[in-house]
Amino acid sequence: MEKELAFPQFVPLHIGYWEHHADWNFDNINSPFFRIYLVVNGEARVIINHYEQALTSGHLYIIPPFTTHTDRCEGDFSLYYIHVFETMEDRRYSLFEHFSFPFEIESTPLDRVLIERLIEINKGRKLQYSDPKKYDNQAMLIQMISQNGLGDYSEFIETRGILLQLFSRFLPYAKVLVQTSDTGIINVKKYVREHICENITVKTLADICCLSEDHFIRLFKKEIGSTPLEYIQQKKVEKAQTMLVFDNLSVKDVAYTLSYTNQSYFIRLFKKFTGSTPGEYKSTI
């Protein structure tokens, strides 16, 4: 695998406990942070890519960032929730680009102890509302991120440690997504990341590998699992989602910033990858 992994940089956003009574029903949630749940009682469902997954007591769950999903609950349901933003400081790619994580694993008594301690030292991160439309917005996310490290330093370090420990519970069951030792492909991915706001062509990427376009496309798909164009589009849409959350830009400005002069095309592309238009996505944040 590419030697790009480093120590994860996790920023806690929201941490707490909710008891629901058939009121955990939210559509098309798509956030720039990942979620960890520990279900205490009852049962609910999460729908991802039209596939329904049950949430039951005694299990830990993880939902990656930029994953469109729908929540459903018809009865009593209680859970601990942790929302975490993964920063890219001194690292090439998100861990979610390296691994496919299991949605569900069995919990242990220690998991609950760790989460309760996390709540104890992060009292200001409890959600006031369970509806994502009320907390998954630009102002709230920036506020939560800006609070990181402002309190007691020992609790800041302890929080990071607990987050890493809980996240590490999923790693033994994770599957490596990208296995490539090809220097050219690694350099191509680096180029896409560093020039994401430019008009990136397949020819430019093929030239980096010193290959013809046809040969490069076949190699890239073999190594990465998608065509170069699909990879570029996916990374641009993910960048657009982050910009819509953290930058005060219109949909038109985001499109232009990412070198899409045809706004209609950008909107169709965004919807292809997220299930909603940029305007619909922006209205939820």
C-alpha atoms as a PDB file:
ATOM      1  CA  MET A   1       0.000   0.000   0.000  1.00  0.00           C
ATOM      2  CA  GLU A   2       1.117   3.557  -0.595  1.00  0.00           C
ATOM      3  CA  LYS A   3       3.194   4.910   2.267  1.00  0.00           C
ATOM      4  CA  GLU A   4       0.858   7.821   2.966  1.00  0.00           C
ATOM      5  CA  LEU A   5      -0.620   6.899   6.332  1.00  0.00           C
ATOM      6  CA  ALA A   6       0.281   8.972   9.360  1.00  0.00           C
ATOM      7  CA  PHE A   7      -1.113   9.650  12.801  1.00  0.00           C
ATOM      8  CA  PRO A   8      -4.825  10.563  12.402  1.00  0.00           C
ATOM      9  CA  GLN A   9      -5.801  14.135  13.206  1.00  0.00           C
ATOM     10  CA  PHE A  10      -9.300  14.030  14.721  1.00  0.00           C
ATOM     11  CA  VAL A  11     -11.274  17.081  15.845  1.00  0.00           C
ATOM     12  CA  PRO A  12     -14.297  16.333  18.070  1.00  0.00           C
ATOM     13  CA  LEU A  13     -17.514  18.122  17.088  1.00  0.00           C
ATOM     14  CA  HIS A  14     -20.520  16.699  18.934  1.00  0.00           C
ATOM     15  CA  ILE A  15     -20.546  14.107  21.721  1.00  0.00           C
ATOM     16  CA  GLY A  16     -23.525  12.995  23.776  1.00  0.00           C
ATOM     17  CA  TYR A  17     -26.425  10.661  24.443  1.00  0.00           C
ATOM     18  CA  TRP A  18     -29.946  10.664  22.973  1.00  0.00           C
ATOM     19  CA  GLU A  19     -33.138   8.815  23.793  1.00  0.00           C
ATOM     20  CA  HIS A  20     -35.530   8.708  20.851  1.00  0.00           C
ATOM     21  CA  HIS A  21     -39.156   7.676  20.654  1.00  0.00           C
ATOM     22  CA  ALA A  22     -39.920   7.059  16.991  1.00  0.00           C
ATOM     23  CA  ASP A  23     -38.446  10.516  16.246  1.00  0.00           C
ATOM     24  CA  TRP A  24     -35.048   9.568  14.750  1.00  0.00           C
ATOM     25  CA  ASN A  25     -36.228  10.016  11.168  1.00  0.00           C
ATOM     26  CA  PHE A  26     -34.083  12.179   8.896  1.00  0.00           C
ATOM     27  CA  ASP A  27     -33.579  12.084   5.130  1.00  0.00           C
ATOM     28  CA  ASN A  28     -30.508  12.503   2.915  1.00  0.00           C
ATOM     29  CA  ILE A  29     -27.930  13.371   5.568  1.00  0.00           C
ATOM     30  CA  ASN A  30     -24.515  14.122   4.096  1.00  0.00           C
ATOM     31  CA  SER A  31     -21.820  15.608   6.328  1.00  0.00           C
ATOM     32  CA  PRO A  32     -18.105  16.421   6.054  1.00  0.00           C
ATOM     33  CA  PHE A  33     -17.472  14.542   9.317  1.00  0.00           C
ATOM     34  CA  PHE A  34     -17.756  10.908  10.343  1.00  0.00           C
ATOM     35  CA  ARG A  35     -20.112   9.492  12.950  1.00  0.00           C
ATOM     36  CA  ILE A  36     -19.609   6.796  15.580  1.00  0.00           C
ATOM     37  CA  TYR A  37     -22.667   5.395  17.370  1.00  0.00           C
ATOM     38  CA  LEU A  38     -22.977   3.056  20.333  1.00  0.00           C
ATOM     39  CA  VAL A  39     -26.539   1.760  20.530  1.00  0.00           C
ATOM     40  CA  VAL A  40     -27.781   1.194  24.079  1.00  0.00           C
ATOM     41  CA  ASN A  41     -31.414   0.132  23.633  1.00  0.00           C
ATOM     42  CA  GLY A  42     -33.958  -0.398  20.896  1.00  0.00           C
ATOM     43  CA  GLU A  43     -33.465  -0.595  17.175  1.00  0.00           C
ATOM     44  CA  ALA A  44     -33.273   1.783  14.237  1.00  0.00           C
ATOM     45  CA  ARG A  45     -32.231   1.671  10.596  1.00  0.00           C
ATOM     46  CA  VAL A  46     -29.804   3.530   8.379  1.00  0.00           C
ATOM     47  CA  ILE A  47     -30.245   3.475   4.621  1.00  0.00           C
ATOM     48  CA  ILE A  48     -27.081   3.930   2.530  1.00  0.00           C
ATOM     49  CA  ASN A  49     -27.093   3.536  -1.265  1.00  0.00           C
ATOM     50  CA  HIS A  50     -30.609   2.077  -1.090  1.00  0.00           C
ATOM     51  CA  TYR A  51     -29.314  -0.646   1.254  1.00  0.00           C
ATOM     52  CA  GLU A  52     -30.928  -0.845   4.685  1.00  0.00           C
ATOM     53  CA  GLN A  53     -28.779  -1.536   7.752  1.00  0.00           C
ATOM     54  CA  ALA A  54     -30.151  -2.268  11.233  1.00  0.00           C
ATOM     55  CA  LEU A  55     -28.770  -0.577  14.348  1.00  0.00           C
ATOM     56  CA  THR A  56     -29.154  -2.756  17.429  1.00  0.00           C
ATOM     57  CA  SER A  57     -28.025  -2.616  21.047  1.00  0.00           C
ATOM     58  CA  GLY A  58     -24.592  -3.897  21.920  1.00  0.00           C
ATOM     59  CA  HIS A  59     -22.954  -2.686  18.719  1.00  0.00           C
ATOM     60  CA  LEU A  60     -20.716   0.141  17.541  1.00  0.00           C
ATOM     61  CA  TYR A  61     -21.376   1.799  14.176  1.00  0.00           C
ATOM     62  CA  ILE A  62     -19.409   4.101  11.916  1.00  0.00           C
ATOM     63  CA  ILE A  63     -20.658   6.286   9.050  1.00  0.00           C
ATOM     64  CA  PRO A  64     -17.864   7.815   6.922  1.00  0.00           C
ATOM     65  CA  PRO A  65     -17.808  11.502   5.920  1.00  0.00           C
ATOM     66  CA  PHE A  66     -19.558  12.538   2.698  1.00  0.00           C
ATOM     67  CA  THR A  67     -21.849   9.505   2.910  1.00  0.00           C
ATOM     68  CA  THR A  68     -25.477  10.214   2.052  1.00  0.00           C
ATOM     69  CA  HIS A  69     -27.758   8.282   4.384  1.00  0.00           C
ATOM     70  CA  THR A  70     -31.272   8.259   5.830  1.00  0.00           C
ATOM     71  CA  ASP A  71     -32.259   7.460   9.432  1.00  0.00           C
ATOM     72  CA  ARG A  72     -35.415   5.566  10.385  1.00  0.00           C
ATOM     73  CA  CYS A  73     -36.841   4.623  13.799  1.00  0.00           C
ATOM     74  CA  GLU A  74     -40.338   3.384  14.650  1.00  0.00           C
ATOM     75  CA  GLY A  75     -39.984   2.883  18.407  1.00  0.00           C
ATOM     76  CA  ASP A  76     -37.805   3.584  21.435  1.00  0.00           C
ATOM     77  CA  PHE A  77     -34.151   3.934  20.565  1.00  0.00           C
ATOM     78  CA  SER A  78     -31.217   5.243  22.600  1.00  0.00           C
ATOM     79  CA  LEU A  79     -27.613   5.755  21.561  1.00  0.00           C
ATOM     80  CA  TYR A  80     -24.353   7.525  22.253  1.00  0.00           C
ATOM     81  CA  TYR A  81     -23.186   9.667  19.328  1.00  0.00           C
ATOM     82  CA  ILE A  82     -19.767  11.034  18.421  1.00  0.00           C
ATOM     83  CA  HIS A  83     -19.194  13.322  15.430  1.00  0.00           C
ATOM     84  CA  VAL A  84     -15.568  13.767  14.381  1.00  0.00           C
ATOM     85  CA  PHE A  85     -13.925  15.937  11.752  1.00  0.00           C
ATOM     86  CA  GLU A  86     -10.765  14.478  10.236  1.00  0.00           C
ATOM     87  CA  THR A  87      -8.215  17.152   9.329  1.00  0.00           C
ATOM     88  CA  MET A  88      -5.588  16.661   6.643  1.00  0.00           C
ATOM     89  CA  GLU A  89      -2.624  18.185   8.453  1.00  0.00           C
ATOM     90  CA  ASP A  90       0.668  16.660   7.304  1.00  0.00           C
ATOM     91  CA  ARG A  91      -1.173  13.802   5.596  1.00  0.00           C
ATOM     92  CA  ARG A  92      -1.971  13.024   1.984  1.00  0.00           C
ATOM     93  CA  TYR A  93      -5.362  11.398   2.180  1.00  0.00           C
ATOM     94  CA  SER A  94      -8.202  10.703   4.535  1.00  0.00           C
ATOM     95  CA  LEU A  95      -8.161   7.294   6.218  1.00  0.00           C
ATOM     96  CA  PHE A  96     -11.534   6.735   4.569  1.00  0.00           C
ATOM     97  CA  GLU A  97      -9.763   6.828   1.209  1.00  0.00           C
ATOM     98  CA  HIS A  98      -7.433   4.054   2.322  1.00  0.00           C
ATOM     99  CA  PHE A  99      -9.914   1.743   4.022  1.00  0.00           C
ATOM    100  CA  SER A 100     -13.455   0.467   3.705  1.00  0.00           C
ATOM    101  CA  PHE A 101     -14.751   0.242   7.256  1.00  0.00           C
ATOM    102  CA  PRO A 102     -17.425  -2.165   8.466  1.00  0.00           C
ATOM    103  CA  PHE A 103     -20.684  -0.462   9.299  1.00  0.00           C
ATOM    104  CA  GLU A 104     -21.146  -2.528  12.464  1.00  0.00           C
ATOM    105  CA  ILE A 105     -18.941  -4.251  15.047  1.00  0.00           C
ATOM    106  CA  GLU A 106     -19.748  -5.723  18.449  1.00  0.00           C
ATOM    107  CA  SER A 107     -19.170  -3.343  21.338  1.00  0.00           C
ATOM    108  CA  THR A 108     -17.358  -4.072  24.592  1.00  0.00           C
ATOM    109  CA  PRO A 109     -18.007  -2.763  28.116  1.00  0.00           C
ATOM    110  CA  LEU A 110     -14.907  -0.590  27.743  1.00  0.00           C
ATOM    111  CA  ASP A 111     -16.443   1.238  24.755  1.00  0.00           C
ATOM    112  CA  ARG A 112     -19.226   2.610  26.916  1.00  0.00           C
ATOM    113  CA  VAL A 113     -16.812   3.580  29.685  1.00  0.00           C
ATOM    114  CA  LEU A 114     -14.671   5.484  27.186  1.00  0.00           C
ATOM    115  CA  ILE A 115     -17.643   7.285  25.647  1.00  0.00           C
ATOM    116  CA  GLU A 116     -19.045   8.288  29.030  1.00  0.00           C
ATOM    117  CA  ARG A 117     -15.632   9.685  29.956  1.00  0.00           C
ATOM    118  CA  LEU A 118     -15.582  11.523  26.630  1.00  0.00           C
ATOM    119  CA  ILE A 119     -18.928  13.123  27.491  1.00  0.00           C
ATOM    120  CA  GLU A 120     -17.705  14.029  30.967  1.00  0.00           C
ATOM    121  CA  ILE A 121     -14.731  16.017  29.667  1.00  0.00           C
ATOM    122  CA  ASN A 122     -16.616  17.484  26.669  1.00  0.00           C
ATOM    123  CA  LYS A 123     -19.808  18.830  28.224  1.00  0.00           C
ATOM    124  CA  GLY A 124     -20.018  21.703  25.747  1.00  0.00           C
ATOM    125  CA  ARG A 125     -20.347  19.365  22.781  1.00  0.00           C
ATOM    126  CA  LYS A 126     -23.759  17.877  23.528  1.00  0.00           C
ATOM    127  CA  LEU A 127     -26.307  18.524  20.777  1.00  0.00           C
ATOM    128  CA  GLN A 128     -29.356  20.607  21.575  1.00  0.00           C
ATOM    129  CA  TYR A 129     -31.279  19.149  18.638  1.00  0.00           C
ATOM    130  CA  SER A 130     -31.139  15.725  17.001  1.00  0.00           C
ATOM    131  CA  ASP A 131     -32.222  17.015  13.585  1.00  0.00           C
ATOM    132  CA  PRO A 132     -29.064  17.294  11.390  1.00  0.00           C
ATOM    133  CA  LYS A 133     -30.501  20.378   9.692  1.00  0.00           C
ATOM    134  CA  LYS A 134     -30.208  22.216  13.001  1.00  0.00           C
ATOM    135  CA  TYR A 135     -26.627  21.273  13.870  1.00  0.00           C
ATOM    136  CA  ASP A 136     -24.971  20.292  10.582  1.00  0.00           C
ATOM    137  CA  ASN A 137     -24.485  23.829   9.351  1.00  0.00           C
ATOM    138  CA  GLN A 138     -21.633  26.151   8.586  1.00  0.00           C
ATOM    139  CA  ALA A 139     -21.860  28.293  11.720  1.00  0.00           C
ATOM    140  CA  MET A 140     -22.109  25.333  14.115  1.00  0.00           C
ATOM    141  CA  LEU A 141     -19.284  23.348  12.512  1.00  0.00           C
ATOM    142  CA  ILE A 142     -16.903  26.308  12.488  1.00  0.00           C
ATOM    143  CA  GLN A 143     -17.805  27.048  16.106  1.00  0.00           C
ATOM    144  CA  MET A 144     -17.153  23.466  17.218  1.00  0.00           C
ATOM    145  CA  ILE A 145     -13.853  23.241  15.338  1.00  0.00           C
ATOM    146  CA  SER A 146     -12.671  26.596  16.719  1.00  0.00           C
ATOM    147  CA  GLN A 147     -13.238  25.356  20.284  1.00  0.00           C
ATOM    148  CA  ASN A 148     -10.764  22.547  19.758  1.00  0.00           C
ATOM    149  CA  GLY A 149      -7.861  22.809  22.195  1.00  0.00           C
ATOM    150  CA  LEU A 150      -9.183  25.897  24.020  1.00  0.00           C
ATOM    151  CA  GLY A 151      -9.971  24.093  27.264  1.00  0.00           C
ATOM    152  CA  ASP A 152      -7.826  22.108  29.674  1.00  0.00           C
ATOM    153  CA  TYR A 153      -4.836  20.695  27.806  1.00  0.00           C
ATOM    154  CA  SER A 154      -4.898  17.371  29.617  1.00  0.00           C
ATOM    155  CA  GLU A 155      -8.547  16.879  28.629  1.00  0.00           C
ATOM    156  CA  PHE A 156      -7.703  17.860  25.059  1.00  0.00           C
ATOM    157  CA  ILE A 157      -5.059  15.107  24.911  1.00  0.00           C
ATOM    158  CA  GLU A 158      -7.357  12.619  26.653  1.00  0.00           C
ATOM    159  CA  THR A 159     -10.138  13.377  24.168  1.00  0.00           C
ATOM    160  CA  ARG A 160      -7.824  12.728  21.221  1.00  0.00           C
ATOM    161  CA  GLY A 161      -6.679   9.479  22.835  1.00  0.00           C
ATOM    162  CA  ILE A 162     -10.205   8.200  23.410  1.00  0.00           C
ATOM    163  CA  LEU A 163     -11.270   9.095  19.869  1.00  0.00           C
ATOM    164  CA  LEU A 164      -8.311   7.184  18.481  1.00  0.00           C
ATOM    165  CA  GLN A 165      -9.037   4.222  20.718  1.00  0.00           C
ATOM    166  CA  LEU A 166     -12.688   4.045  19.637  1.00  0.00           C
ATOM    167  CA  PHE A 167     -11.777   4.494  15.980  1.00  0.00           C
ATOM    168  CA  SER A 168      -9.134   1.796  16.231  1.00  0.00           C
ATOM    169  CA  ARG A 169     -11.845  -0.715  17.155  1.00  0.00           C
ATOM    170  CA  PHE A 170     -12.938  -0.703  13.507  1.00  0.00           C
ATOM    171  CA  LEU A 171      -9.468  -1.006  11.974  1.00  0.00           C
ATOM    172  CA  PRO A 172      -8.969  -4.785  12.437  1.00  0.00           C
ATOM    173  CA  TYR A 173     -12.069  -5.350  10.303  1.00  0.00           C
ATOM    174  CA  ALA A 174     -11.334  -2.692   7.682  1.00  0.00           C
ATOM    175  CA  LYS A 175     -10.383  -3.588   4.123  1.00  0.00           C
ATOM    176  CA  VAL A 176      -7.665  -1.780   2.217  1.00  0.00           C
ATOM    177  CA  LEU A 177      -9.210   0.135  -0.673  1.00  0.00           C
ATOM    178  CA  VAL A 178      -6.102   1.123  -2.586  1.00  0.00           C
ATOM    179  CA  GLN A 179      -3.089  -1.101  -2.974  1.00  0.00           C
ATOM    180  CA  THR A 180      -0.583   0.384  -5.360  1.00  0.00           C
ATOM    181  CA  SER A 181       3.141   0.706  -5.347  1.00  0.00           C
ATOM    182  CA  ASP A 182       3.173   2.330  -8.766  1.00  0.00           C
ATOM    183  CA  THR A 183       5.081   5.585  -8.346  1.00  0.00           C
ATOM    184  CA  GLY A 184       3.355   7.148 -11.337  1.00  0.00           C
ATOM    185  CA  ILE A 185      -0.148   6.543  -9.957  1.00  0.00           C
ATOM    186  CA  ILE A 186       0.916   7.837  -6.542  1.00  0.00           C
ATOM    187  CA  ASN A 187       2.251  11.013  -8.173  1.00  0.00           C
ATOM    188  CA  VAL A 188      -0.969  11.371 -10.170  1.00  0.00           C
ATOM    189  CA  LYS A 189      -3.102  11.240  -7.023  1.00  0.00           C
ATOM    190  CA  LYS A 190      -0.794  13.786  -5.409  1.00  0.00           C
ATOM    191  CA  TYR A 191      -1.138  16.041  -8.459  1.00  0.00           C
ATOM    192  CA  VAL A 192      -4.955  15.826  -8.359  1.00  0.00           C
ATOM    193  CA  ARG A 193      -4.979  16.755  -4.680  1.00  0.00           C
ATOM    194  CA  GLU A 194      -2.635  19.716  -5.132  1.00  0.00           C
ATOM    195  CA  HIS A 195      -4.332  21.031  -8.304  1.00  0.00           C
ATOM    196  CA  ILE A 196      -7.950  20.226  -7.448  1.00  0.00           C
ATOM    197  CA  CYS A 197      -9.115  23.744  -8.334  1.00  0.00           C
ATOM    198  CA  GLU A 198      -7.561  23.615 -11.798  1.00  0.00           C
ATOM    199  CA  ASN A 199      -8.851  22.086 -15.014  1.00  0.00           C
ATOM    200  CA  ILE A 200      -7.144  18.681 -14.772  1.00  0.00           C
ATOM    201  CA  THR A 201      -7.032  16.661 -17.975  1.00  0.00           C
ATOM    202  CA  VAL A 202      -6.426  12.952 -18.419  1.00  0.00           C
ATOM    203  CA  LYS A 203      -3.613  13.822 -20.831  1.00  0.00           C
ATOM    204  CA  THR A 204      -1.828  15.823 -18.127  1.00  0.00           C
ATOM    205  CA  LEU A 205      -2.042  12.853 -15.750  1.00  0.00           C
ATOM    206  CA  ALA A 206      -0.910  10.428 -18.451  1.00  0.00           C
ATOM    207  CA  ASP A 207       2.105  12.650 -19.126  1.00  0.00           C
ATOM    208  CA  ILE A 208       3.062  12.440 -15.441  1.00  0.00           C
ATOM    209  CA  CYS A 209       3.277   8.661 -15.870  1.00  0.00           C
ATOM    210  CA  CYS A 210       4.968   8.985 -19.274  1.00  0.00           C
ATOM    211  CA  LEU A 211       2.235   6.829 -20.804  1.00  0.00           C
ATOM    212  CA  SER A 212      -0.241   7.142 -23.633  1.00  0.00           C
ATOM    213  CA  GLU A 213      -3.750   8.120 -22.518  1.00  0.00           C
ATOM    214  CA  ASP A 214      -5.206   4.693 -23.328  1.00  0.00           C
ATOM    215  CA  HIS A 215      -2.459   2.865 -21.450  1.00  0.00           C
ATOM    216  CA  PHE A 216      -2.717   5.248 -18.498  1.00  0.00           C
ATOM    217  CA  ILE A 217      -6.510   4.875 -18.254  1.00  0.00           C
ATOM    218  CA  ARG A 218      -6.227   1.078 -18.192  1.00  0.00           C
ATOM    219  CA  LEU A 219      -3.465   1.175 -15.559  1.00  0.00           C
ATOM    220  CA  PHE A 220      -5.279   3.708 -13.385  1.00  0.00           C
ATOM    221  CA  LYS A 221      -8.523   1.734 -13.403  1.00  0.00           C
ATOM    222  CA  LYS A 222      -6.655  -1.461 -12.584  1.00  0.00           C
ATOM    223  CA  GLU A 223      -4.825   0.159  -9.656  1.00  0.00           C
ATOM    224  CA  ILE A 224      -7.545   2.464  -8.276  1.00  0.00           C
ATOM    225  CA  GLY A 225     -10.812   0.876  -9.391  1.00  0.00           C
ATOM    226  CA  SER A 226     -12.185   3.884 -11.236  1.00  0.00           C
ATOM    227  CA  THR A 227     -11.273   5.820 -14.365  1.00  0.00           C
ATOM    228  CA  PRO A 228      -9.068   8.914 -14.012  1.00  0.00           C
ATOM    229  CA  LEU A 229     -11.993  11.141 -14.984  1.00  0.00           C
ATOM    230  CA  GLU A 230     -14.274   9.570 -12.352  1.00  0.00           C
ATOM    231  CA  TYR A 231     -11.540  10.012  -9.741  1.00  0.00           C
ATOM    232  CA  ILE A 232     -11.060  13.695 -10.643  1.00  0.00           C
ATOM    233  CA  GLN A 233     -14.818  14.300 -10.542  1.00  0.00           C
ATOM    234  CA  GLN A 234     -15.213  12.574  -7.187  1.00  0.00           C
ATOM    235  CA  LYS A 235     -12.407  14.586  -5.593  1.00  0.00           C
ATOM    236  CA  LYS A 236     -13.754  17.849  -6.999  1.00  0.00           C
ATOM    237  CA  VAL A 237     -17.231  17.116  -5.627  1.00  0.00           C
ATOM    238  CA  GLU A 238     -15.780  16.284  -2.192  1.00  0.00           C
ATOM    239  CA  LYS A 239     -13.854  19.570  -2.309  1.00  0.00           C
ATOM    240  CA  ALA A 240     -17.067  21.346  -3.316  1.00  0.00           C
ATOM    241  CA  GLN A 241     -18.887  19.869  -0.315  1.00  0.00           C
ATOM    242  CA  THR A 242     -16.185  21.145   2.024  1.00  0.00           C
ATOM    243  CA  MET A 243     -16.272  24.587   0.391  1.00  0.00           C
ATOM    244  CA  LEU A 244     -20.051  24.801   0.689  1.00  0.00           C
ATOM    245  CA  VAL A 245     -19.756  24.046   4.418  1.00  0.00           C
ATOM    246  CA  PHE A 246     -16.766  26.172   5.410  1.00  0.00           C
ATOM    247  CA  ASP A 247     -16.528  28.929   2.788  1.00  0.00           C
ATOM    248  CA  ASN A 248     -19.091  31.654   2.284  1.00  0.00           C
ATOM    249  CA  LEU A 249     -19.391  31.009  -1.468  1.00  0.00           C
ATOM    250  CA  SER A 250     -22.352  30.687  -3.796  1.00  0.00           C
ATOM    251  CA  VAL A 251     -22.831  27.541  -5.861  1.00  0.00           C
ATOM    252  CA  LYS A 252     -21.700  29.504  -8.915  1.00  0.00           C
ATOM    253  CA  ASP A 253     -18.512  30.631  -7.179  1.00  0.00           C
ATOM    254  CA  VAL A 254     -17.735  27.089  -6.007  1.00  0.00           C
ATOM    255  CA  ALA A 255     -18.171  25.809  -9.557  1.00  0.00           C
ATOM    256  CA  TYR A 256     -15.865  28.490 -10.967  1.00  0.00           C
ATOM    257  CA  THR A 257     -13.298  27.938  -8.212  1.00  0.00           C
ATOM    258  CA  LEU A 258     -13.135  24.284  -9.230  1.00  0.00           C
ATOM    259  CA  SER A 259     -12.748  25.302 -12.907  1.00  0.00           C
ATOM    260  CA  TYR A 260     -16.276  24.380 -13.982  1.00  0.00           C
ATOM    261  CA  THR A 261     -17.391  27.175 -16.300  1.00  0.00           C
ATOM    262  CA  ASN A 262     -20.629  25.321 -17.070  1.00  0.00           C
ATOM    263  CA  GLN A 263     -22.643  25.631 -13.863  1.00  0.00           C
ATOM    264  CA  SER A 264     -25.377  23.251 -15.083  1.00  0.00           C
ATOM    265  CA  TYR A 265     -22.787  20.537 -15.707  1.00  0.00           C
ATOM    266  CA  PHE A 266     -21.309  21.063 -12.239  1.00  0.00           C
ATOM    267  CA  ILE A 267     -24.764  20.758 -10.658  1.00  0.00           C
ATOM    268  CA  ARG A 268     -25.464  17.495 -12.515  1.00  0.00           C
ATOM    269  CA  LEU A 269     -22.073  16.135 -11.499  1.00  0.00           C
ATOM    270  CA  PHE A 270     -22.591  17.100  -7.861  1.00  0.00           C
ATOM    271  CA  LYS A 271     -25.973  15.381  -7.798  1.00  0.00           C
ATOM    272  CA  LYS A 272     -24.504  12.258  -9.395  1.00  0.00           C
ATOM    273  CA  PHE A 273     -22.095  11.790  -6.499  1.00  0.00           C
ATOM    274  CA  THR A 274     -24.170  13.108  -3.573  1.00  0.00           C
ATOM    275  CA  GLY A 275     -27.796  12.573  -4.533  1.00  0.00           C
ATOM    276  CA  SER A 276     -28.620  16.269  -4.167  1.00  0.00           C
ATOM    277  CA  THR A 277     -27.859  19.467  -6.031  1.00  0.00           C
ATOM    278  CA  PRO A 278     -25.299  21.922  -4.570  1.00  0.00           C
ATOM    279  CA  GLY A 279     -28.169  24.272  -3.756  1.00  0.00           C
ATOM    280  CA  GLU A 280     -30.061  21.565  -1.889  1.00  0.00           C
ATOM    281  CA  TYR A 281     -26.884  20.557  -0.092  1.00  0.00           C
ATOM    282  CA  LYS A 282     -26.096  24.147   0.849  1.00  0.00           C
ATOM    283  CA  SER A 283     -29.645  24.682   2.152  1.00  0.00           C
ATOM    284  CA  THR A 284     -29.147  21.860   4.661  1.00  0.00           C
ATOM    285  CA  ILE A 285     -25.994  23.411   6.099  1.00  0.00           C
END
